[in-house]
Amino acid sequence: MCYKNDCKLTAFRHYILINTVLILGYNLRKIKFLLIIVCIFTAIITSSFSYRVDSQTPKPINSIETIIYDMQPPHEGIPHGVPLSYNWATGPRVGSDDPGTFTAMTAWGQLYETSEGNSATNTRVQIKNIKAYYLSKTDKKWHILQSSVRVEGAAYREDYVGDINRPANVRYESDGSISVKAGNGYNFHFWPPGRASINPIDVMGMFTTVQARLVVDNFNKPDDRSKARYVLSEGGDYWFNLTAKWDNWTTNQDFGIGKFKYVTTKWQAFNLITLPEDQIRLNPPPM
């Protein structure tokens, strides 16, 4: 039993308590709902960001498998104007694995139109990052001999007869590299600036590599890179010394010629290595 005013006060307190509980419950549900929305939104944003980062992570241009592939015949395409009697006309090969008395070396490469022809007139080949390494007998490690973004070279007769050459169609690119064209009976034969000294008795293996891709020649004209048929091969020479002049193969000899591969719109590595596959896997060269 309660007095009238006391009963009213008690009922009012119950009313306040019930409404407080209801309001708190509603707000808790609302907060929980908002937290769920925030978590879902965060998960979506995070996963989307991760995907974008992963999708933009550049893949390595070179690999052990690529290096091994580049020494396995046949060529992807036959270089135009190279006599089939040449022992590198249809597939890669290792040359001399012993420098003998030669005390210098250089990496080099050669760009050709393919034997079936090249109908692209508004396409160039950009070439960069030529490098050379040797594997030491002493410490069983690879040591760098040459490294250059830019290559030098000239347009040589496709069969190299008489060492006939002329200035190449060269364009200097913004990253320090060059782009070139080849054709009309001439290739583009290139190398890094300057030879490198070697200790011939310490050479266990040689490795050279370069990168290339197709680029547009004139951006005011149609892009015809899909019609381009260029092949490129990487190689290397031993030389008598750092300054010896070419003298009908008496002052130099090659230590190998890699596979001719089609140049595409994506950067690719082109390689030459003198080691057999099992030794490449045991002594992987720098990428």
C-alpha atoms as a PDB file:
ATOM      1  CA  MET A   1       0.000   0.000   0.000  1.00  0.00           C
ATOM      2  CA  CYS A   2       1.347   3.464  -0.879  1.00  0.00           C
ATOM      3  CA  TYR A   3       0.208   6.971  -0.646  1.00  0.00           C
ATOM      4  CA  LYS A   4      -1.147   8.567  -3.800  1.00  0.00           C
ATOM      5  CA  ASN A   5       1.862  10.834  -4.398  1.00  0.00           C
ATOM      6  CA  ASP A   6       4.289   8.024  -3.620  1.00  0.00           C
ATOM      7  CA  CYS A   7       2.552   5.724  -6.119  1.00  0.00           C
ATOM      8  CA  LYS A   8       2.709   8.396  -8.811  1.00  0.00           C
ATOM      9  CA  LEU A   9       6.408   8.924  -8.093  1.00  0.00           C
ATOM     10  CA  THR A  10       7.121   5.206  -8.262  1.00  0.00           C
ATOM     11  CA  ALA A  11       5.221   4.821 -11.562  1.00  0.00           C
ATOM     12  CA  PHE A  12       7.096   7.787 -13.017  1.00  0.00           C
ATOM     13  CA  ARG A  13      10.427   6.247 -11.987  1.00  0.00           C
ATOM     14  CA  HIS A  14       9.431   2.952 -13.611  1.00  0.00           C
ATOM     15  CA  TYR A  15       8.464   4.864 -16.748  1.00  0.00           C
ATOM     16  CA  ILE A  16      11.845   6.651 -16.855  1.00  0.00           C
ATOM     17  CA  LEU A  17      13.708   3.389 -16.231  1.00  0.00           C
ATOM     18  CA  ILE A  18      11.844   1.499 -18.942  1.00  0.00           C
ATOM     19  CA  ASN A  19      12.326   4.273 -21.508  1.00  0.00           C
ATOM     20  CA  THR A  20      16.015   4.566 -20.609  1.00  0.00           C
ATOM     21  CA  VAL A  21      16.473   0.855 -21.147  1.00  0.00           C
ATOM     22  CA  LEU A  22      14.568   1.015 -24.433  1.00  0.00           C
ATOM     23  CA  ILE A  23      16.605   4.000 -25.653  1.00  0.00           C
ATOM     24  CA  LEU A  24      19.873   2.357 -24.623  1.00  0.00           C
ATOM     25  CA  GLY A  25      18.840  -0.858 -26.353  1.00  0.00           C
ATOM     26  CA  TYR A  26      17.943   1.001 -29.513  1.00  0.00           C
ATOM     27  CA  ASN A  27      21.207   2.925 -29.478  1.00  0.00           C
ATOM     28  CA  LEU A  28      23.212  -0.251 -28.824  1.00  0.00           C
ATOM     29  CA  ARG A  29      21.539  -1.935 -31.761  1.00  0.00           C
ATOM     30  CA  LYS A  30      22.201   1.142 -33.844  1.00  0.00           C
ATOM     31  CA  ILE A  31      25.865   1.254 -32.768  1.00  0.00           C
ATOM     32  CA  LYS A  32      26.246  -2.478 -33.442  1.00  0.00           C
ATOM     33  CA  PHE A  33      24.718  -2.015 -36.885  1.00  0.00           C
ATOM     34  CA  LEU A  34      27.047   0.895 -37.612  1.00  0.00           C
ATOM     35  CA  LEU A  35      30.048  -1.127 -36.448  1.00  0.00           C
ATOM     36  CA  ILE A  36      29.063  -3.956 -38.799  1.00  0.00           C
ATOM     37  CA  ILE A  37      28.754  -1.486 -41.703  1.00  0.00           C
ATOM     38  CA  VAL A  38      32.147   0.043 -40.876  1.00  0.00           C
ATOM     39  CA  CYS A  39      33.779  -3.420 -40.735  1.00  0.00           C
ATOM     40  CA  ILE A  40      32.292  -4.443 -44.080  1.00  0.00           C
ATOM     41  CA  PHE A  41      33.320  -1.150 -45.685  1.00  0.00           C
ATOM     42  CA  THR A  42      36.853  -1.446 -44.282  1.00  0.00           C
ATOM     43  CA  ALA A  43      37.165  -5.018 -45.550  1.00  0.00           C
ATOM     44  CA  ILE A  44      36.044  -3.989 -49.034  1.00  0.00           C
ATOM     45  CA  ILE A  45      38.431  -1.036 -49.184  1.00  0.00           C
ATOM     46  CA  THR A  46      41.341  -3.057 -47.800  1.00  0.00           C
ATOM     47  CA  SER A  47      40.865  -5.979 -50.172  1.00  0.00           C
ATOM     48  CA  SER A  48      40.441  -3.636 -53.119  1.00  0.00           C
ATOM     49  CA  PHE A  49      43.612  -1.744 -52.201  1.00  0.00           C
ATOM     50  CA  SER A  50      45.564  -4.984 -51.827  1.00  0.00           C
ATOM     51  CA  TYR A  51      44.388  -6.139 -55.224  1.00  0.00           C
ATOM     52  CA  ARG A  52      45.458  -2.886 -56.836  1.00  0.00           C
ATOM     53  CA  VAL A  53      48.878  -3.049 -55.249  1.00  0.00           C
ATOM     54  CA  ASP A  54      49.353  -6.690 -56.242  1.00  0.00           C
ATOM     55  CA  SER A  55      48.133  -6.095 -59.771  1.00  0.00           C
ATOM     56  CA  GLN A  56      50.615  -3.238 -60.202  1.00  0.00           C
ATOM     57  CA  THR A  57      53.599  -5.122 -58.784  1.00  0.00           C
ATOM     58  CA  PRO A  58      55.942  -5.593 -61.748  1.00  0.00           C
ATOM     59  CA  LYS A  59      56.839  -9.138 -62.608  1.00  0.00           C
ATOM     60  CA  PRO A  60      60.531  -9.955 -63.047  1.00  0.00           C
ATOM     61  CA  ILE A  61      61.621  -9.554 -66.653  1.00  0.00           C
ATOM     62  CA  ASN A  62      64.210 -12.317 -66.445  1.00  0.00           C
ATOM     63  CA  SER A  63      64.267 -15.746 -64.791  1.00  0.00           C
ATOM     64  CA  ILE A  64      66.275 -18.964 -64.647  1.00  0.00           C
ATOM     65  CA  GLU A  65      63.721 -20.628 -66.927  1.00  0.00           C
ATOM     66  CA  THR A  66      64.039 -17.817 -69.464  1.00  0.00           C
ATOM     67  CA  ILE A  67      67.831 -18.094 -69.452  1.00  0.00           C
ATOM     68  CA  ILE A  68      67.653 -21.860 -69.989  1.00  0.00           C
ATOM     69  CA  TYR A  69      65.027 -21.416 -72.743  1.00  0.00           C
ATOM     70  CA  ASP A  70      67.236 -18.865 -74.497  1.00  0.00           C
ATOM     71  CA  MET A  71      69.909 -21.545 -75.016  1.00  0.00           C
ATOM     72  CA  GLN A  72      67.561 -24.223 -76.376  1.00  0.00           C
ATOM     73  CA  PRO A  73      67.053 -24.540 -80.165  1.00  0.00           C
ATOM     74  CA  PRO A  74      65.426 -23.600 -82.408  1.00  0.00           C
ATOM     75  CA  HIS A  75      65.136 -19.826 -82.806  1.00  0.00           C
ATOM     76  CA  GLU A  76      61.601 -18.432 -82.557  1.00  0.00           C
ATOM     77  CA  GLY A  77      62.145 -16.755 -85.916  1.00  0.00           C
ATOM     78  CA  ILE A  78      64.878 -16.990 -88.553  1.00  0.00           C
ATOM     79  CA  PRO A  79      66.877 -13.764 -88.997  1.00  0.00           C
ATOM     80  CA  HIS A  80      66.574 -12.281 -92.479  1.00  0.00           C
ATOM     81  CA  GLY A  81      69.591 -12.560 -94.769  1.00  0.00           C
ATOM     82  CA  VAL A  82      71.633 -14.946 -92.607  1.00  0.00           C
ATOM     83  CA  PRO A  83      72.876 -17.906 -94.699  1.00  0.00           C
ATOM     84  CA  LEU A  84      71.569 -21.218 -93.382  1.00  0.00           C
ATOM     85  CA  SER A  85      75.144 -22.518 -93.538  1.00  0.00           C
ATOM     86  CA  TYR A  86      76.008 -20.312 -90.530  1.00  0.00           C
ATOM     87  CA  ASN A  87      75.999 -22.448 -87.381  1.00  0.00           C
ATOM     88  CA  TRP A  88      73.821 -19.901 -85.552  1.00  0.00           C
ATOM     89  CA  ALA A  89      71.271 -19.379 -88.337  1.00  0.00           C
ATOM     90  CA  THR A  90      68.578 -21.662 -86.931  1.00  0.00           C
ATOM     91  CA  GLY A  91      69.387 -22.057 -83.240  1.00  0.00           C
ATOM     92  CA  PRO A  92      71.486 -20.788 -80.326  1.00  0.00           C
ATOM     93  CA  ARG A  93      74.880 -22.249 -79.556  1.00  0.00           C
ATOM     94  CA  VAL A  94      77.784 -21.990 -77.137  1.00  0.00           C
ATOM     95  CA  GLY A  95      81.079 -20.942 -78.708  1.00  0.00           C
ATOM     96  CA  SER A  96      84.437 -21.199 -76.988  1.00  0.00           C
ATOM     97  CA  ASP A  97      84.119 -21.867 -73.257  1.00  0.00           C
ATOM     98  CA  ASP A  98      87.865 -21.261 -72.787  1.00  0.00           C
ATOM     99  CA  PRO A  99      89.195 -17.686 -73.188  1.00  0.00           C
ATOM    100  CA  GLY A 100      92.674 -19.032 -73.857  1.00  0.00           C
ATOM    101  CA  THR A 101      94.998 -16.034 -74.072  1.00  0.00           C
ATOM    102  CA  PHE A 102      92.238 -13.451 -74.533  1.00  0.00           C
ATOM    103  CA  THR A 103      92.217 -10.902 -71.695  1.00  0.00           C
ATOM    104  CA  ALA A 104      89.101  -8.858 -72.505  1.00  0.00           C
ATOM    105  CA  MET A 105      85.452  -9.411 -73.382  1.00  0.00           C
ATOM    106  CA  THR A 106      82.252  -7.667 -74.395  1.00  0.00           C
ATOM    107  CA  ALA A 107      78.565  -8.454 -74.446  1.00  0.00           C
ATOM    108  CA  TRP A 108      76.751  -7.799 -77.698  1.00  0.00           C
ATOM    109  CA  GLY A 109      73.415  -8.322 -79.409  1.00  0.00           C
ATOM    110  CA  GLN A 110      71.902  -8.322 -82.872  1.00  0.00           C
ATOM    111  CA  LEU A 111      68.497  -7.208 -84.112  1.00  0.00           C
ATOM    112  CA  TYR A 112      67.048  -8.466 -87.415  1.00  0.00           C
ATOM    113  CA  GLU A 113      63.860  -8.446 -89.381  1.00  0.00           C
ATOM    114  CA  THR A 114      62.609 -12.013 -89.712  1.00  0.00           C
ATOM    115  CA  SER A 115      63.057 -14.084 -92.860  1.00  0.00           C
ATOM    116  CA  GLU A 116      59.334 -13.789 -93.715  1.00  0.00           C
ATOM    117  CA  GLY A 117      59.644 -10.001 -93.782  1.00  0.00           C
ATOM    118  CA  ASN A 118      58.426  -7.102 -91.660  1.00  0.00           C
ATOM    119  CA  SER A 119      55.496  -5.008 -92.871  1.00  0.00           C
ATOM    120  CA  ALA A 120      55.534  -2.534 -89.961  1.00  0.00           C
ATOM    121  CA  THR A 121      56.819   0.895 -91.000  1.00  0.00           C
ATOM    122  CA  ASN A 122      55.978   2.864 -87.841  1.00  0.00           C
ATOM    123  CA  THR A 123      57.647   0.613 -85.263  1.00  0.00           C
ATOM    124  CA  ARG A 124      61.019   0.820 -83.579  1.00  0.00           C
ATOM    125  CA  VAL A 125      62.830  -1.505 -81.147  1.00  0.00           C
ATOM    126  CA  GLN A 126      63.884  -0.010 -77.824  1.00  0.00           C
ATOM    127  CA  ILE A 127      66.979  -1.648 -76.291  1.00  0.00           C
ATOM    128  CA  LYS A 128      68.409  -1.130 -72.812  1.00  0.00           C
ATOM    129  CA  ASN A 129      70.222  -2.593 -69.777  1.00  0.00           C
ATOM    130  CA  ILE A 130      72.931  -4.671 -71.391  1.00  0.00           C
ATOM    131  CA  LYS A 131      75.013  -6.548 -68.802  1.00  0.00           C
ATOM    132  CA  ALA A 132      77.791  -9.130 -68.639  1.00  0.00           C
ATOM    133  CA  TYR A 133      78.970 -11.395 -65.812  1.00  0.00           C
ATOM    134  CA  TYR A 134      81.521 -14.154 -65.375  1.00  0.00           C
ATOM    135  CA  LEU A 135      81.446 -17.115 -62.990  1.00  0.00           C
ATOM    136  CA  SER A 136      84.709 -17.377 -61.077  1.00  0.00           C
ATOM    137  CA  LYS A 137      86.516 -20.691 -60.687  1.00  0.00           C
ATOM    138  CA  THR A 138      88.045 -19.347 -57.482  1.00  0.00           C
ATOM    139  CA  ASP A 139      84.977 -18.431 -55.417  1.00  0.00           C
ATOM    140  CA  LYS A 140      82.172 -19.948 -57.559  1.00  0.00           C
ATOM    141  CA  LYS A 141      80.400 -16.556 -57.616  1.00  0.00           C
ATOM    142  CA  TRP A 142      79.160 -14.379 -60.458  1.00  0.00           C
ATOM    143  CA  HIS A 143      80.984 -11.060 -60.906  1.00  0.00           C
ATOM    144  CA  ILE A 144      79.723  -8.186 -63.017  1.00  0.00           C
ATOM    145  CA  LEU A 145      81.887  -7.075 -65.924  1.00  0.00           C
ATOM    146  CA  GLN A 146      79.678  -4.642 -67.846  1.00  0.00           C
ATOM    147  CA  SER A 147      76.451  -2.747 -67.158  1.00  0.00           C
ATOM    148  CA  SER A 148      74.970   0.024 -69.289  1.00  0.00           C
ATOM    149  CA  VAL A 149      71.486   1.407 -69.913  1.00  0.00           C
ATOM    150  CA  ARG A 150      72.556   2.635 -73.346  1.00  0.00           C
ATOM    151  CA  VAL A 151      74.041   0.474 -76.082  1.00  0.00           C
ATOM    152  CA  GLU A 152      76.231   1.487 -78.995  1.00  0.00           C
ATOM    153  CA  GLY A 153      76.236  -0.088 -82.419  1.00  0.00           C
ATOM    154  CA  ALA A 154      75.835   0.128 -86.156  1.00  0.00           C
ATOM    155  CA  ALA A 155      73.838  -1.310 -89.033  1.00  0.00           C
ATOM    156  CA  TYR A 156      75.804  -4.256 -90.440  1.00  0.00           C
ATOM    157  CA  ARG A 157      75.229  -6.312 -93.561  1.00  0.00           C
ATOM    158  CA  GLU A 158      72.944  -9.127 -92.476  1.00  0.00           C
ATOM    159  CA  ASP A 159      75.558 -11.772 -93.360  1.00  0.00           C
ATOM    160  CA  TYR A 160      78.445  -9.688 -91.917  1.00  0.00           C
ATOM    161  CA  VAL A 161      80.489 -10.299 -95.077  1.00  0.00           C
ATOM    162  CA  GLY A 162      83.429  -7.903 -95.242  1.00  0.00           C
ATOM    163  CA  ASP A 163      82.407  -6.347 -91.899  1.00  0.00           C
ATOM    164  CA  ILE A 164      80.463  -3.807 -93.978  1.00  0.00           C
ATOM    165  CA  ASN A 165      78.447  -1.422 -91.788  1.00  0.00           C
ATOM    166  CA  ARG A 166      76.902   2.029 -91.712  1.00  0.00           C
ATOM    167  CA  PRO A 167      75.293   4.333 -89.117  1.00  0.00           C
ATOM    168  CA  ALA A 168      72.034   2.937 -87.739  1.00  0.00           C
ATOM    169  CA  ASN A 169      68.629   4.618 -87.524  1.00  0.00           C
ATOM    170  CA  VAL A 170      68.895   5.556 -83.814  1.00  0.00           C
ATOM    171  CA  ARG A 171      66.556   7.563 -81.586  1.00  0.00           C
ATOM    172  CA  TYR A 172      67.607   8.504 -78.053  1.00  0.00           C
ATOM    173  CA  GLU A 173      64.918   7.769 -75.464  1.00  0.00           C
ATOM    174  CA  SER A 174      64.102   9.701 -72.277  1.00  0.00           C
ATOM    175  CA  ASP A 175      65.316   6.905 -69.950  1.00  0.00           C
ATOM    176  CA  GLY A 176      68.834   6.987 -71.418  1.00  0.00           C
ATOM    177  CA  SER A 177      68.282   4.041 -73.767  1.00  0.00           C
ATOM    178  CA  ILE A 178      67.946   4.045 -77.546  1.00  0.00           C
ATOM    179  CA  SER A 179      65.465   2.719 -80.094  1.00  0.00           C
ATOM    180  CA  VAL A 180      66.371   1.607 -83.608  1.00  0.00           C
ATOM    181  CA  LYS A 181      65.094   0.228 -86.876  1.00  0.00           C
ATOM    182  CA  ALA A 182      66.615  -2.554 -88.962  1.00  0.00           C
ATOM    183  CA  GLY A 183      65.981  -3.790 -92.497  1.00  0.00           C
ATOM    184  CA  ASN A 184      66.825  -3.259 -96.171  1.00  0.00           C
ATOM    185  CA  GLY A 185      69.653  -5.789 -95.941  1.00  0.00           C
ATOM    186  CA  TYR A 186      71.052  -4.517 -92.643  1.00  0.00           C
ATOM    187  CA  ASN A 187      70.698  -5.579 -89.025  1.00  0.00           C
ATOM    188  CA  PHE A 188      71.529  -3.600 -85.882  1.00  0.00           C
ATOM    189  CA  HIS A 189      74.587  -5.011 -84.121  1.00  0.00           C
ATOM    190  CA  PHE A 190      75.147  -3.483 -80.677  1.00  0.00           C
ATOM    191  CA  TRP A 191      77.291  -3.633 -77.525  1.00  0.00           C
ATOM    192  CA  PRO A 192      77.926  -1.640 -74.322  1.00  0.00           C
ATOM    193  CA  PRO A 193      80.428   1.236 -74.287  1.00  0.00           C
ATOM    194  CA  GLY A 194      83.915  -0.228 -73.809  1.00  0.00           C
ATOM    195  CA  ARG A 195      85.201  -3.758 -73.225  1.00  0.00           C
ATOM    196  CA  ALA A 196      85.986  -5.318 -69.844  1.00  0.00           C
ATOM    197  CA  SER A 197      89.146  -7.024 -68.623  1.00  0.00           C
ATOM    198  CA  ILE A 198      89.052 -10.685 -67.574  1.00  0.00           C
ATOM    199  CA  ASN A 199      91.439 -13.142 -65.971  1.00  0.00           C
ATOM    200  CA  PRO A 200      91.200 -15.963 -68.535  1.00  0.00           C
ATOM    201  CA  ILE A 201      92.310 -18.696 -66.137  1.00  0.00           C
ATOM    202  CA  ASP A 202      89.530 -17.824 -63.653  1.00  0.00           C
ATOM    203  CA  VAL A 203      86.580 -17.984 -66.076  1.00  0.00           C
ATOM    204  CA  MET A 204      84.172 -20.849 -65.356  1.00  0.00           C
ATOM    205  CA  GLY A 205      81.216 -19.403 -67.264  1.00  0.00           C
ATOM    206  CA  MET A 206      79.974 -16.286 -69.074  1.00  0.00           C
ATOM    207  CA  PHE A 207      76.513 -14.693 -68.997  1.00  0.00           C
ATOM    208  CA  THR A 208      75.213 -11.700 -70.952  1.00  0.00           C
ATOM    209  CA  THR A 209      71.724 -10.217 -71.007  1.00  0.00           C
ATOM    210  CA  VAL A 210      69.787  -7.307 -72.504  1.00  0.00           C
ATOM    211  CA  GLN A 211      66.179  -6.060 -72.603  1.00  0.00           C
ATOM    212  CA  ALA A 212      64.065  -4.944 -75.564  1.00  0.00           C
ATOM    213  CA  ARG A 213      60.506  -4.080 -76.638  1.00  0.00           C
ATOM    214  CA  LEU A 214      58.575  -2.594 -79.565  1.00  0.00           C
ATOM    215  CA  VAL A 215      57.746   1.133 -79.477  1.00  0.00           C
ATOM    216  CA  VAL A 216      55.932   3.499 -81.823  1.00  0.00           C
ATOM    217  CA  ASP A 217      58.112   5.490 -84.198  1.00  0.00           C
ATOM    218  CA  ASN A 218      55.842   8.454 -85.022  1.00  0.00           C
ATOM    219  CA  PHE A 219      52.923   9.013 -82.633  1.00  0.00           C
ATOM    220  CA  ASN A 220      51.110  11.065 -85.272  1.00  0.00           C
ATOM    221  CA  LYS A 221      50.816   7.965 -87.442  1.00  0.00           C
ATOM    222  CA  PRO A 222      48.923   4.678 -86.884  1.00  0.00           C
ATOM    223  CA  ASP A 223      50.421   2.221 -84.387  1.00  0.00           C
ATOM    224  CA  ASP A 224      51.427  -0.835 -86.436  1.00  0.00           C
ATOM    225  CA  ARG A 225      53.416  -2.726 -83.784  1.00  0.00           C
ATOM    226  CA  SER A 226      51.094  -5.711 -84.213  1.00  0.00           C
ATOM    227  CA  LYS A 227      52.563  -6.149 -87.713  1.00  0.00           C
ATOM    228  CA  ALA A 228      56.200  -5.913 -86.597  1.00  0.00           C
ATOM    229  CA  ARG A 229      58.405  -8.972 -87.118  1.00  0.00           C
ATOM    230  CA  TYR A 230      61.698  -8.298 -85.393  1.00  0.00           C
ATOM    231  CA  VAL A 231      63.899 -10.914 -83.707  1.00  0.00           C
ATOM    232  CA  LEU A 232      66.760 -10.226 -81.318  1.00  0.00           C
ATOM    233  CA  SER A 233      69.593 -12.385 -79.989  1.00  0.00           C
ATOM    234  CA  GLU A 234      72.170 -11.794 -77.253  1.00  0.00           C
ATOM    235  CA  GLY A 235      75.803 -12.923 -77.429  1.00  0.00           C
ATOM    236  CA  GLY A 236      79.345 -12.157 -76.338  1.00  0.00           C
ATOM    237  CA  ASP A 237      82.987 -12.112 -77.483  1.00  0.00           C
ATOM    238  CA  TYR A 238      86.411 -12.674 -75.987  1.00  0.00           C
ATOM    239  CA  TRP A 239      88.984 -10.131 -77.238  1.00  0.00           C
ATOM    240  CA  PHE A 240      92.774 -10.188 -77.287  1.00  0.00           C
ATOM    241  CA  ASN A 241      92.827  -7.031 -75.140  1.00  0.00           C
ATOM    242  CA  LEU A 242      90.811  -3.888 -74.415  1.00  0.00           C
ATOM    243  CA  THR A 243      91.860  -2.032 -77.575  1.00  0.00           C
ATOM    244  CA  ALA A 244      92.519  -4.710 -80.228  1.00  0.00           C
ATOM    245  CA  LYS A 245      90.974  -4.007 -83.648  1.00  0.00           C
ATOM    246  CA  TRP A 246      88.846  -6.591 -85.447  1.00  0.00           C
ATOM    247  CA  ASP A 247      91.048  -8.648 -87.781  1.00  0.00           C
ATOM    248  CA  ASN A 248      89.068 -11.485 -89.389  1.00  0.00           C
ATOM    249  CA  TRP A 249      88.537 -13.353 -86.118  1.00  0.00           C
ATOM    250  CA  THR A 250      92.220 -13.410 -85.149  1.00  0.00           C
ATOM    251  CA  THR A 251      91.777 -10.838 -82.363  1.00  0.00           C
ATOM    252  CA  ASN A 252      88.416 -12.039 -81.054  1.00  0.00           C
ATOM    253  CA  GLN A 253      86.118 -15.070 -80.856  1.00  0.00           C
ATOM    254  CA  ASP A 254      82.576 -15.425 -79.641  1.00  0.00           C
ATOM    255  CA  PHE A 255      81.703 -17.426 -76.545  1.00  0.00           C
ATOM    256  CA  GLY A 256      78.113 -17.928 -77.621  1.00  0.00           C
ATOM    257  CA  ILE A 257      74.965 -16.731 -79.381  1.00  0.00           C
ATOM    258  CA  GLY A 258      71.555 -16.940 -77.738  1.00  0.00           C
ATOM    259  CA  LYS A 259      68.143 -17.723 -79.176  1.00  0.00           C
ATOM    260  CA  PHE A 260      66.582 -15.248 -81.606  1.00  0.00           C
ATOM    261  CA  LYS A 261      63.232 -14.332 -80.049  1.00  0.00           C
ATOM    262  CA  TYR A 262      60.433 -12.141 -81.351  1.00  0.00           C
ATOM    263  CA  VAL A 263      60.450  -8.649 -79.879  1.00  0.00           C
ATOM    264  CA  THR A 264      57.017  -7.738 -78.458  1.00  0.00           C
ATOM    265  CA  THR A 265      55.372  -4.686 -76.914  1.00  0.00           C
ATOM    266  CA  LYS A 266      56.357  -5.918 -73.432  1.00  0.00           C
ATOM    267  CA  TRP A 267      59.875  -5.740 -72.060  1.00  0.00           C
ATOM    268  CA  GLN A 268      61.684  -9.059 -72.443  1.00  0.00           C
ATOM    269  CA  ALA A 269      65.117 -10.344 -71.467  1.00  0.00           C
ATOM    270  CA  PHE A 270      67.371 -11.881 -74.111  1.00  0.00           C
ATOM    271  CA  ASN A 271      70.205 -14.023 -72.755  1.00  0.00           C
ATOM    272  CA  LEU A 272      73.390 -15.905 -73.545  1.00  0.00           C
ATOM    273  CA  ILE A 273      75.044 -18.251 -71.041  1.00  0.00           C
ATOM    274  CA  THR A 274      77.849 -20.761 -71.583  1.00  0.00           C
ATOM    275  CA  LEU A 275      76.836 -23.187 -68.806  1.00  0.00           C
ATOM    276  CA  PRO A 276      74.678 -26.304 -69.376  1.00  0.00           C
ATOM    277  CA  GLU A 277      71.242 -26.428 -67.729  1.00  0.00           C
ATOM    278  CA  ASP A 278      72.305 -28.398 -64.633  1.00  0.00           C
ATOM    279  CA  GLN A 279      75.110 -25.935 -63.926  1.00  0.00           C
ATOM    280  CA  ILE A 280      72.791 -22.964 -64.456  1.00  0.00           C
ATOM    281  CA  ARG A 281      70.479 -24.330 -61.759  1.00  0.00           C
ATOM    282  CA  LEU A 282      73.427 -24.984 -59.425  1.00  0.00           C
ATOM    283  CA  ASN A 283      74.962 -21.560 -60.146  1.00  0.00           C
ATOM    284  CA  PRO A 284      72.054 -19.235 -61.050  1.00  0.00           C
ATOM    285  CA  PRO A 285      73.334 -15.931 -62.495  1.00  0.00           C
ATOM    286  CA  PRO A 286      72.158 -12.526 -61.237  1.00  0.00           C
ATOM    287  CA  MET A 287      68.753 -11.456 -62.535  1.00  0.00           C
END
